[in-house]
């Protein structure tokens, strides 16, 4: 599950964001592919790193991703 923060009232959305992302599509793909390679190399375990606001110390939690296999339903008669 992904969560997001509430949109700040003073934030202005970028109407050109889609075009900017299209211009960076190759870099975005490579970034995602590198992340996938790290995930596969780590047996699909994610680390969530948090930093304490009080102490500045880092801690991490490792989570294993469960991948769901989807099979295509045969729709031919």
Protein backbone atom coordinates (compact mmCIF):
# COMPACT_ATOMS: atom_id res chain seq x y z
CA UNK A 1 0.00 0.00 0.00
CA UNK A 2 1.28 3.43 -0.88
CA UNK A 3 0.40 6.42 1.19
CA UNK A 4 0.69 10.09 0.34
CA UNK A 5 0.76 13.28 2.30
CA UNK A 6 -2.01 15.83 2.11
CA UNK A 7 -1.45 18.48 -0.55
CA UNK A 8 -0.29 21.75 1.06
CA UNK A 9 -2.75 24.57 0.36
CA UNK A 10 0.01 26.82 -1.02
CA UNK A 11 1.41 24.24 -3.45
CA UNK A 12 1.01 25.02 -7.13
CA UNK A 13 0.77 22.02 -9.46
CA UNK A 14 3.06 22.01 -12.49
CA UNK A 15 0.86 21.92 -15.62
CA UNK A 16 3.90 20.83 -17.68
CA UNK A 17 4.85 17.90 -15.44
CA UNK A 18 3.77 15.23 -17.95
CA UNK A 19 5.89 16.77 -20.71
CA UNK A 20 8.88 17.08 -18.38
CA UNK A 21 8.52 13.43 -17.40
CA UNK A 22 8.26 12.39 -21.06
CA UNK A 23 11.56 14.19 -21.69
CA UNK A 24 13.12 12.20 -18.83
CA UNK A 25 11.47 8.86 -19.71
CA UNK A 26 14.74 7.06 -20.48
CA UNK A 27 16.31 8.15 -17.19
CA UNK A 28 13.18 7.23 -15.23
CA UNK A 29 13.15 3.79 -16.84
CA UNK A 30 16.84 3.22 -16.08
CA UNK A 31 16.32 4.33 -12.46
CA UNK A 32 13.39 1.90 -12.08
CA UNK A 33 15.32 -0.92 -13.77
CA UNK A 34 18.31 -0.42 -11.47
CA UNK A 35 15.95 -0.58 -8.51
CA UNK A 36 14.45 -3.81 -9.84
CA UNK A 37 17.93 -5.31 -10.22
CA UNK A 38 18.75 -4.41 -6.59
CA UNK A 39 15.43 -5.91 -5.47
CA UNK A 40 16.07 -9.17 -7.34
CA UNK A 41 19.64 -9.35 -5.99
CA UNK A 42 18.26 -8.90 -2.46
CA UNK A 43 15.68 -11.72 -2.86
CA UNK A 44 12.80 -9.23 -3.06
CA UNK A 45 13.46 -7.82 0.40
CA UNK A 46 12.92 -4.10 0.90
CA UNK A 47 14.56 -2.06 3.62
CA UNK A 48 12.66 0.84 5.09
CA UNK A 49 15.10 3.28 6.64
CA UNK A 50 13.92 5.86 9.14
CA UNK A 51 15.84 8.59 10.92
CA UNK A 52 14.93 9.63 14.44
CA UNK A 53 14.20 13.34 14.66
CA UNK A 54 15.44 13.40 18.25
CA UNK A 55 18.70 11.46 17.94
CA UNK A 56 19.40 11.48 14.20
CA UNK A 57 20.01 7.72 14.38
CA UNK A 58 18.98 5.53 11.47
CA UNK A 59 17.06 2.29 11.82
CA UNK A 60 15.77 -0.08 9.20
CA UNK A 61 13.11 -2.72 8.81
CA UNK A 62 13.38 -5.42 6.15
CA UNK A 63 10.20 -6.52 4.42
CA UNK A 64 9.81 -9.33 1.91
CA UNK A 65 7.61 -8.59 -1.08
CA UNK A 66 5.01 -11.15 -2.02
CA UNK A 67 4.58 -11.25 -5.76
CA UNK A 68 1.22 -12.33 -7.08
CA UNK A 69 1.18 -14.27 -10.33
CA UNK A 70 -1.72 -13.38 -12.55
CA UNK A 71 -2.85 -15.93 -15.08
CA UNK A 72 -4.76 -14.95 -18.15
CA UNK A 73 -8.22 -16.35 -18.32
CA UNK A 74 -8.93 -18.19 -21.55
CA UNK A 75 -11.78 -16.31 -23.19
CA UNK A 76 -11.90 -18.32 -26.41
CA UNK A 77 -15.00 -20.41 -26.98
